[in-house]
Amino acid sequence: MRITKTSRGFDLVTFKDRYDQPCSLQKSSIATEDCIWFGIHEQIDLYTKEVVGPGQRMHLSQDQVKELLPLLQRFIDTGEIN
């Protein structure tokens, strides 16, 4: 994982997923509430390694992340989500 800042000064964490896709966790610039962007930053073809399109990132609020955390912790602890 690499932690940097965007050109506008927002925190940005970049990493690759299990399929070597470039992913990011980024503080959102939305002014009305604290949110993050999270997901695949751009799609890379697994065979050619070429960029084939934009990624799909989720725009999550603090409440949404709070709901996901217990499920993610369960996965860390047990390998399951339920």
PDB file of N, CA and C in Angstrom:
ATOM      1  N   MET A   1       0.843  -1.180   0.000  1.00  0.00           N
ATOM      2  CA  MET A   1       0.000   0.000   0.000  1.00  0.00           C
ATOM      3  C   MET A   1       0.882   1.234   0.000  1.00  0.00           C
ATOM      4  N   ARG A   2       0.387   2.230  -0.704  1.00  0.00           N
ATOM      5  CA  ARG A   2       1.114   3.496  -0.794  1.00  0.00           C
ATOM      6  C   ARG A   2       0.159   4.618  -0.395  1.00  0.00           C
ATOM      7  N   ILE A   3       0.584   5.484   0.506  1.00  0.00           N
ATOM      8  CA  ILE A   3      -0.250   6.593   0.968  1.00  0.00           C
ATOM      9  C   ILE A   3       0.329   7.900   0.423  1.00  0.00           C
ATOM     10  N   THR A   4      -0.515   8.635  -0.327  1.00  0.00           N
ATOM     11  CA  THR A   4      -0.110   9.916  -0.905  1.00  0.00           C
ATOM     12  C   THR A   4      -1.267  10.893  -0.759  1.00  0.00           C
ATOM     13  N   LYS A   5      -1.190  11.986  -1.476  1.00  0.00           N
ATOM     14  CA  LYS A   5      -2.262  12.986  -1.534  1.00  0.00           C
ATOM     15  C   LYS A   5      -2.658  13.181  -2.993  1.00  0.00           C
ATOM     16  N   THR A   6      -3.934  13.502  -3.210  1.00  0.00           N
ATOM     17  CA  THR A   6      -4.370  13.846  -4.560  1.00  0.00           C
ATOM     18  C   THR A   6      -3.842  15.233  -4.905  1.00  0.00           C
ATOM     19  N   SER A   7      -4.021  15.653  -6.140  1.00  0.00           N
ATOM     20  CA  SER A   7      -3.572  16.985  -6.554  1.00  0.00           C
ATOM     21  C   SER A   7      -4.311  18.081  -5.793  1.00  0.00           C
ATOM     22  N   ARG A   8      -5.479  17.751  -5.227  1.00  0.00           N
ATOM     23  CA  ARG A   8      -6.254  18.719  -4.445  1.00  0.00           C
ATOM     24  C   ARG A   8      -6.017  18.569  -2.938  1.00  0.00           C
ATOM     25  N   GLY A   9      -5.078  17.700  -2.552  1.00  0.00           N
ATOM     26  CA  GLY A   9      -4.691  17.584  -1.150  1.00  0.00           C
ATOM     27  C   GLY A   9      -5.455  16.572  -0.325  1.00  0.00           C
ATOM     28  N   PHE A  10      -6.252  15.713  -0.953  1.00  0.00           N
ATOM     29  CA  PHE A  10      -7.003  14.694  -0.220  1.00  0.00           C
ATOM     30  C   PHE A  10      -6.174  13.423  -0.082  1.00  0.00           C
ATOM     31  N   ASP A  11      -6.311  12.738   1.065  1.00  0.00           N
ATOM     32  CA  ASP A  11      -5.574  11.498   1.302  1.00  0.00           C
ATOM     33  C   ASP A  11      -5.956  10.446   0.274  1.00  0.00           C
ATOM     34  N   LEU A  12      -4.935   9.705  -0.193  1.00  0.00           N
ATOM     35  CA  LEU A  12      -5.138   8.667  -1.197  1.00  0.00           C
ATOM     36  C   LEU A  12      -4.250   7.475  -0.872  1.00  0.00           C
ATOM     37  N   VAL A  13      -4.874   6.295  -0.716  1.00  0.00           N
ATOM     38  CA  VAL A  13      -4.155   5.044  -0.496  1.00  0.00           C
ATOM     39  C   VAL A  13      -4.334   4.204  -1.754  1.00  0.00           C
ATOM     40  N   THR A  14      -3.233   3.764  -2.347  1.00  0.00           N
ATOM     41  CA  THR A  14      -3.316   2.925  -3.546  1.00  0.00           C
ATOM     42  C   THR A  14      -2.727   1.549  -3.233  1.00  0.00           C
ATOM     43  N   PHE A  15      -3.328   0.536  -3.856  1.00  0.00           N
ATOM     44  CA  PHE A  15      -2.898  -0.845  -3.658  1.00  0.00           C
ATOM     45  C   PHE A  15      -3.458  -1.674  -4.808  1.00  0.00           C
ATOM     46  N   LYS A  16      -3.079  -2.938  -4.879  1.00  0.00           N
ATOM     47  CA  LYS A  16      -3.615  -3.836  -5.907  1.00  0.00           C
ATOM     48  C   LYS A  16      -4.414  -4.944  -5.235  1.00  0.00           C
ATOM     49  N   ASP A  17      -5.506  -5.344  -5.897  1.00  0.00           N
ATOM     50  CA  ASP A  17      -6.332  -6.418  -5.348  1.00  0.00           C
ATOM     51  C   ASP A  17      -5.763  -7.780  -5.732  1.00  0.00           C
ATOM     52  N   ARG A  18      -6.485  -8.830  -5.397  1.00  0.00           N
ATOM     53  CA  ARG A  18      -6.045 -10.210  -5.645  1.00  0.00           C
ATOM     54  C   ARG A  18      -5.790 -10.487  -7.119  1.00  0.00           C
ATOM     55  N   TYR A  19      -6.482  -9.759  -8.016  1.00  0.00           N
ATOM     56  CA  TYR A  19      -6.305  -9.933  -9.462  1.00  0.00           C
ATOM     57  C   TYR A  19      -5.394  -8.879 -10.064  1.00  0.00           C
ATOM     58  N   ASP A  20      -4.598  -8.225  -9.229  1.00  0.00           N
ATOM     59  CA  ASP A  20      -3.612  -7.237  -9.666  1.00  0.00           C
ATOM     60  C   ASP A  20      -4.247  -5.981 -10.273  1.00  0.00           C
ATOM     61  N   GLN A  21      -5.500  -5.708  -9.889  1.00  0.00           N
ATOM     62  CA  GLN A  21      -6.183  -4.509 -10.357  1.00  0.00           C
ATOM     63  C   GLN A  21      -5.800  -3.333  -9.453  1.00  0.00           C
ATOM     64  N   PRO A  22      -5.487  -2.173 -10.026  1.00  0.00           N
ATOM     65  CA  PRO A  22      -5.129  -1.022  -9.201  1.00  0.00           C
ATOM     66  C   PRO A  22      -6.356  -0.471  -8.480  1.00  0.00           C
ATOM     67  N   CYS A  23      -6.277  -0.420  -7.153  1.00  0.00           N
ATOM     68  CA  CYS A  23      -7.390   0.025  -6.322  1.00  0.00           C
ATOM     69  C   CYS A  23      -6.980   1.251  -5.519  1.00  0.00           C
ATOM     70  N   SER A  24      -8.003   1.913  -4.976  1.00  0.00           N
ATOM     71  CA  SER A  24      -7.704   3.073  -4.141  1.00  0.00           C
ATOM     72  C   SER A  24      -8.750   3.260  -3.061  1.00  0.00           C
ATOM     73  N   LEU A  25      -8.310   3.900  -2.003  1.00  0.00           N
ATOM     74  CA  LEU A  25      -9.148   4.374  -0.911  1.00  0.00           C
ATOM     75  C   LEU A  25      -8.813   5.847  -0.812  1.00  0.00           C
ATOM     76  N   GLN A  26      -9.819   6.699  -1.043  1.00  0.00           N
ATOM     77  CA  GLN A  26      -9.563   8.128  -1.126  1.00  0.00           C
ATOM     78  C   GLN A  26     -10.579   8.912  -0.325  1.00  0.00           C
ATOM     79  N   LYS A  27     -10.107   9.900   0.406  1.00  0.00           N
ATOM     80  CA  LYS A  27     -11.001  10.825   1.095  1.00  0.00           C
ATOM     81  C   LYS A  27     -11.749  11.623   0.034  1.00  0.00           C
ATOM     82  N   SER A  28     -13.064  11.704   0.185  1.00  0.00           N
ATOM     83  CA  SER A  28     -13.907  12.409  -0.776  1.00  0.00           C
ATOM     84  C   SER A  28     -13.855  13.919  -0.550  1.00  0.00           C
ATOM     85  N   SER A  29     -14.100  14.646  -1.619  1.00  0.00           N
ATOM     86  CA  SER A  29     -14.142  16.110  -1.523  1.00  0.00           C
ATOM     87  C   SER A  29     -15.546  16.643  -1.265  1.00  0.00           C
ATOM     88  N   ILE A  30     -16.513  15.744  -1.108  1.00  0.00           N
ATOM     89  CA  ILE A  30     -17.889  16.195  -0.862  1.00  0.00           C
ATOM     90  C   ILE A  30     -17.915  17.093   0.383  1.00  0.00           C
ATOM     91  N   ALA A  31     -18.603  18.210   0.285  1.00  0.00           N
ATOM     92  CA  ALA A  31     -18.585  19.208   1.366  1.00  0.00           C
ATOM     93  C   ALA A  31     -19.660  18.980   2.424  1.00  0.00           C
ATOM     94  N   THR A  32     -20.671  18.178   2.134  1.00  0.00           N
ATOM     95  CA  THR A  32     -21.815  18.049   3.026  1.00  0.00           C
ATOM     96  C   THR A  32     -21.668  16.980   4.107  1.00  0.00           C
ATOM     97  N   GLU A  33     -20.740  16.026   3.936  1.00  0.00           N
ATOM     98  CA  GLU A  33     -20.500  14.987   4.930  1.00  0.00           C
ATOM     99  C   GLU A  33     -19.163  14.326   4.639  1.00  0.00           C
ATOM    100  N   ASP A  34     -18.649  13.596   5.633  1.00  0.00           N
ATOM    101  CA  ASP A  34     -17.395  12.860   5.430  1.00  0.00           C
ATOM    102  C   ASP A  34     -17.681  11.572   4.686  1.00  0.00           C
ATOM    103  N   CYS A  35     -16.991  11.385   3.557  1.00  0.00           N
ATOM    104  CA  CYS A  35     -17.144  10.186   2.731  1.00  0.00           C
ATOM    105  C   CYS A  35     -15.786   9.763   2.194  1.00  0.00           C
ATOM    106  N   ILE A  36     -15.745   8.544   1.683  1.00  0.00           N
ATOM    107  CA  ILE A  36     -14.557   8.030   1.010  1.00  0.00           C
ATOM    108  C   ILE A  36     -14.957   7.424  -0.326  1.00  0.00           C
ATOM    109  N   TRP A  37     -13.993   7.367  -1.224  1.00  0.00           N
ATOM    110  CA  TRP A  37     -14.096   6.585  -2.454  1.00  0.00           C
ATOM    111  C   TRP A  37     -13.294   5.311  -2.212  1.00  0.00           C
ATOM    112  N   PHE A  38     -13.818   4.141  -2.640  1.00  0.00           N
ATOM    113  CA  PHE A  38     -13.149   2.876  -2.370  1.00  0.00           C
ATOM    114  C   PHE A  38     -13.444   1.898  -3.491  1.00  0.00           C
ATOM    115  N   GLY A  39     -12.416   1.299  -4.066  1.00  0.00           N
ATOM    116  CA  GLY A  39     -12.631   0.283  -5.089  1.00  0.00           C
ATOM    117  C   GLY A  39     -11.553   0.276  -6.148  1.00  0.00           C
ATOM    118  N   ILE A  40     -11.867  -0.346  -7.278  1.00  0.00           N
ATOM    119  CA  ILE A  40     -10.936  -0.437  -8.399  1.00  0.00           C
ATOM    120  C   ILE A  40     -10.831   0.924  -9.071  1.00  0.00           C
ATOM    121  N   HIS A  41      -9.598   1.396  -9.207  1.00  0.00           N
ATOM    122  CA  HIS A  41      -9.346   2.723  -9.762  1.00  0.00           C
ATOM    123  C   HIS A  41      -9.444   2.732 -11.285  1.00  0.00           C
ATOM    124  N   GLU A  42      -8.895   1.711 -11.911  1.00  0.00           N
ATOM    125  CA  GLU A  42      -9.032   1.518 -13.357  1.00  0.00           C
ATOM    126  C   GLU A  42      -8.906   0.035 -13.645  1.00  0.00           C
ATOM    127  N   GLN A  43      -9.629  -0.423 -14.656  1.00  0.00           N
ATOM    128  CA  GLN A  43      -9.624  -1.852 -14.954  1.00  0.00           C
ATOM    129  C   GLN A  43      -8.469  -2.203 -15.882  1.00  0.00           C
ATOM    130  N   ILE A  44      -7.757  -3.264 -15.504  1.00  0.00           N
ATOM    131  CA  ILE A  44      -6.626  -3.765 -16.271  1.00  0.00           C
ATOM    132  C   ILE A  44      -6.988  -5.153 -16.791  1.00  0.00           C
ATOM    133  N   ASP A  45      -6.784  -5.397 -18.089  1.00  0.00           N
ATOM    134  CA  ASP A  45      -7.003  -6.716 -18.662  1.00  0.00           C
ATOM    135  C   ASP A  45      -6.019  -7.692 -18.018  1.00  0.00           C
ATOM    136  N   LEU A  46      -6.527  -8.812 -17.486  1.00  0.00           N
ATOM    137  CA  LEU A  46      -5.683  -9.764 -16.766  1.00  0.00           C
ATOM    138  C   LEU A  46      -4.636 -10.425 -17.652  1.00  0.00           C
ATOM    139  N   TYR A  47      -4.896 -10.499 -18.963  1.00  0.00           N
ATOM    140  CA  TYR A  47      -3.972 -11.186 -19.864  1.00  0.00           C
ATOM    141  C   TYR A  47      -3.000 -10.226 -20.536  1.00  0.00           C
ATOM    142  N   THR A  48      -3.510  -9.106 -21.042  1.00  0.00           N
ATOM    143  CA  THR A  48      -2.646  -8.162 -21.751  1.00  0.00           C
ATOM    144  C   THR A  48      -2.021  -7.122 -20.830  1.00  0.00           C
ATOM    145  N   LYS A  49      -2.578  -6.961 -19.631  1.00  0.00           N
ATOM    146  CA  LYS A  49      -2.134  -5.972 -18.647  1.00  0.00           C
ATOM    147  C   LYS A  49      -2.355  -4.528 -19.123  1.00  0.00           C
ATOM    148  N   GLU A  50      -3.209  -4.344 -20.120  1.00  0.00           N
ATOM    149  CA  GLU A  50      -3.529  -3.006 -20.613  1.00  0.00           C
ATOM    150  C   GLU A  50      -4.755  -2.457 -19.901  1.00  0.00           C
ATOM    151  N   VAL A  51      -4.808  -1.140 -19.752  1.00  0.00           N
ATOM    152  CA  VAL A  51      -5.981  -0.489 -19.181  1.00  0.00           C
ATOM    153  C   VAL A  51      -7.132  -0.640 -20.171  1.00  0.00           C
ATOM    154  N   VAL A  52      -8.270  -1.157 -19.689  1.00  0.00           N
ATOM    155  CA  VAL A  52      -9.416  -1.390 -20.572  1.00  0.00           C
ATOM    156  C   VAL A  52     -10.618  -0.519 -20.214  1.00  0.00           C
ATOM    157  N   GLY A  53     -10.502   0.250 -19.166  1.00  0.00           N
ATOM    158  CA  GLY A  53     -11.614   1.119 -18.819  1.00  0.00           C
ATOM    159  C   GLY A  53     -11.481   1.681 -17.431  1.00  0.00           C
ATOM    160  N   PRO A  54     -12.395   2.575 -17.115  1.00  0.00           N
ATOM    161  CA  PRO A  54     -12.367   3.153 -15.774  1.00  0.00           C
ATOM    162  C   PRO A  54     -12.782   2.113 -14.735  1.00  0.00           C
ATOM    163  N   GLY A  55     -12.371   2.326 -13.525  1.00  0.00           N
ATOM    164  CA  GLY A  55     -12.748   1.433 -12.445  1.00  0.00           C
ATOM    165  C   GLY A  55     -14.133   1.753 -11.924  1.00  0.00           C
ATOM    166  N   GLN A  56     -14.525   0.989 -10.949  1.00  0.00           N
ATOM    167  CA  GLN A  56     -15.813   1.185 -10.282  1.00  0.00           C
ATOM    168  C   GLN A  56     -15.546   1.385  -8.806  1.00  0.00           C
ATOM    169  N   ARG A  57     -15.641   2.629  -8.349  1.00  0.00           N
ATOM    170  CA  ARG A  57     -15.407   2.909  -6.938  1.00  0.00           C
ATOM    171  C   ARG A  57     -16.721   3.264  -6.263  1.00  0.00           C
ATOM    172  N   MET A  58     -16.836   2.828  -5.021  1.00  0.00           N
ATOM    173  CA  MET A  58     -18.014   3.142  -4.212  1.00  0.00           C
ATOM    174  C   MET A  58     -17.779   4.470  -3.508  1.00  0.00           C
ATOM    175  N   HIS A  59     -18.837   5.251  -3.350  1.00  0.00           N
ATOM    176  CA  HIS A  59     -18.779   6.490  -2.576  1.00  0.00           C
ATOM    177  C   HIS A  59     -19.518   6.202  -1.280  1.00  0.00           C
ATOM    178  N   LEU A  60     -18.781   6.035  -0.183  1.00  0.00           N
ATOM    179  CA  LEU A  60     -19.357   5.560   1.072  1.00  0.00           C
ATOM    180  C   LEU A  60     -19.315   6.632   2.148  1.00  0.00           C
ATOM    181  N   SER A  61     -20.414   6.721   2.901  1.00  0.00           N
ATOM    182  CA  SER A  61     -20.474   7.625   4.053  1.00  0.00           C
ATOM    183  C   SER A  61     -19.872   6.920   5.275  1.00  0.00           C
ATOM    184  N   GLN A  62     -19.676   7.675   6.348  1.00  0.00           N
ATOM    185  CA  GLN A  62     -19.188   7.073   7.590  1.00  0.00           C
ATOM    186  C   GLN A  62     -20.155   6.020   8.103  1.00  0.00           C
ATOM    187  N   ASP A  63     -21.446   6.275   8.019  1.00  0.00           N
ATOM    188  CA  ASP A  63     -22.434   5.298   8.486  1.00  0.00           C
ATOM    189  C   ASP A  63     -22.370   4.008   7.675  1.00  0.00           C
ATOM    190  N   GLN A  64     -22.172   4.115   6.378  1.00  0.00           N
ATOM    191  CA  GLN A  64     -22.088   2.919   5.550  1.00  0.00           C
ATOM    192  C   GLN A  64     -20.842   2.100   5.894  1.00  0.00           C
ATOM    193  N   VAL A  65     -19.723   2.779   6.106  1.00  0.00           N
ATOM    194  CA  VAL A  65     -18.500   2.074   6.499  1.00  0.00           C
ATOM    195  C   VAL A  65     -18.690   1.415   7.857  1.00  0.00           C
ATOM    196  N   LYS A  66     -19.359   2.105   8.766  1.00  0.00           N
ATOM    197  CA  LYS A  66     -19.623   1.550  10.099  1.00  0.00           C
ATOM    198  C   LYS A  66     -20.430   0.249   9.997  1.00  0.00           C
ATOM    199  N   GLU A  67     -21.385   0.189   9.073  1.00  0.00           N
ATOM    200  CA  GLU A  67     -22.174  -1.036   8.885  1.00  0.00           C
ATOM    201  C   GLU A  67     -21.336  -2.169   8.309  1.00  0.00           C
ATOM    202  N   LEU A  68     -20.377  -1.843   7.469  1.00  0.00           N
ATOM    203  CA  LEU A  68     -19.544  -2.868   6.837  1.00  0.00           C
ATOM    204  C   LEU A  68     -18.457  -3.413   7.756  1.00  0.00           C
ATOM    205  N   LEU A  69     -17.993  -2.602   8.689  1.00  0.00           N
ATOM    206  CA  LEU A  69     -16.861  -3.009   9.527  1.00  0.00           C
ATOM    207  C   LEU A  69     -17.054  -4.332  10.264  1.00  0.00           C
ATOM    208  N   PRO A  70     -18.195  -4.592  10.912  1.00  0.00           N
ATOM    209  CA  PRO A  70     -18.340  -5.889  11.588  1.00  0.00           C
ATOM    210  C   PRO A  70     -18.247  -7.077  10.629  1.00  0.00           C
ATOM    211  N   LEU A  71     -18.753  -6.917   9.426  1.00  0.00           N
ATOM    212  CA  LEU A  71     -18.666  -7.994   8.439  1.00  0.00           C
ATOM    213  C   LEU A  71     -17.228  -8.215   7.992  1.00  0.00           C
ATOM    214  N   LEU A  72     -16.509  -7.126   7.802  1.00  0.00           N
ATOM    215  CA  LEU A  72     -15.103  -7.234   7.415  1.00  0.00           C
ATOM    216  C   LEU A  72     -14.276  -7.839   8.545  1.00  0.00           C
ATOM    217  N   GLN A  73     -14.572  -7.451   9.779  1.00  0.00           N
ATOM    218  CA  GLN A  73     -13.855  -8.023  10.917  1.00  0.00           C
ATOM    219  C   GLN A  73     -14.140  -9.512  11.040  1.00  0.00           C
ATOM    220  N   ARG A  74     -15.386  -9.911  10.808  1.00  0.00           N
ATOM    221  CA  ARG A  74     -15.735 -11.329  10.852  1.00  0.00           C
ATOM    222  C   ARG A  74     -14.945 -12.093   9.791  1.00  0.00           C
ATOM    223  N   PHE A  75     -14.795 -11.499   8.609  1.00  0.00           N
ATOM    224  CA  PHE A  75     -14.025 -12.143   7.547  1.00  0.00           C
ATOM    225  C   PHE A  75     -12.558 -12.293   7.968  1.00  0.00           C
ATOM    226  N   ILE A  76     -11.997 -11.266   8.589  1.00  0.00           N
ATOM    227  CA  ILE A  76     -10.616 -11.340   9.082  1.00  0.00           C
ATOM    228  C   ILE A  76     -10.494 -12.482  10.081  1.00  0.00           C
ATOM    229  N   ASP A  77     -11.443 -12.575  11.002  1.00  0.00           N
ATOM    230  CA  ASP A  77     -11.370 -13.553  12.086  1.00  0.00           C
ATOM    231  C   ASP A  77     -11.658 -14.980  11.642  1.00  0.00           C
ATOM    232  N   THR A  78     -12.603 -15.159  10.709  1.00  0.00           N
ATOM    233  CA  THR A  78     -13.084 -16.492  10.392  1.00  0.00           C
ATOM    234  C   THR A  78     -12.998 -16.890   8.929  1.00  0.00           C
ATOM    235  N   GLY A  79     -12.785 -15.918   8.034  1.00  0.00           N
ATOM    236  CA  GLY A  79     -12.821 -16.219   6.601  1.00  0.00           C
ATOM    237  C   GLY A  79     -14.229 -16.208   6.039  1.00  0.00           C
ATOM    238  N   GLU A  80     -15.221 -15.921   6.886  1.00  0.00           N
ATOM    239  CA  GLU A  80     -16.618 -15.875   6.488  1.00  0.00           C
ATOM    240  C   GLU A  80     -17.153 -14.445   6.694  1.00  0.00           C
ATOM    241  N   ILE A  81     -18.287 -14.140   6.065  1.00  0.00           N
ATOM    242  CA  ILE A  81     -18.894 -12.827   6.268  1.00  0.00           C
ATOM    243  C   ILE A  81     -20.230 -12.902   6.982  1.00  0.00           C
ATOM    244  N   ASN A  82     -20.698 -14.102   7.249  1.00  0.00           N
ATOM    245  CA  ASN A  82     -21.970 -14.260   7.937  1.00  0.00           C
ATOM    246  C   ASN A  82     -21.815 -15.215   9.107  1.00  0.00           C
TER     247      ASN A  82
END
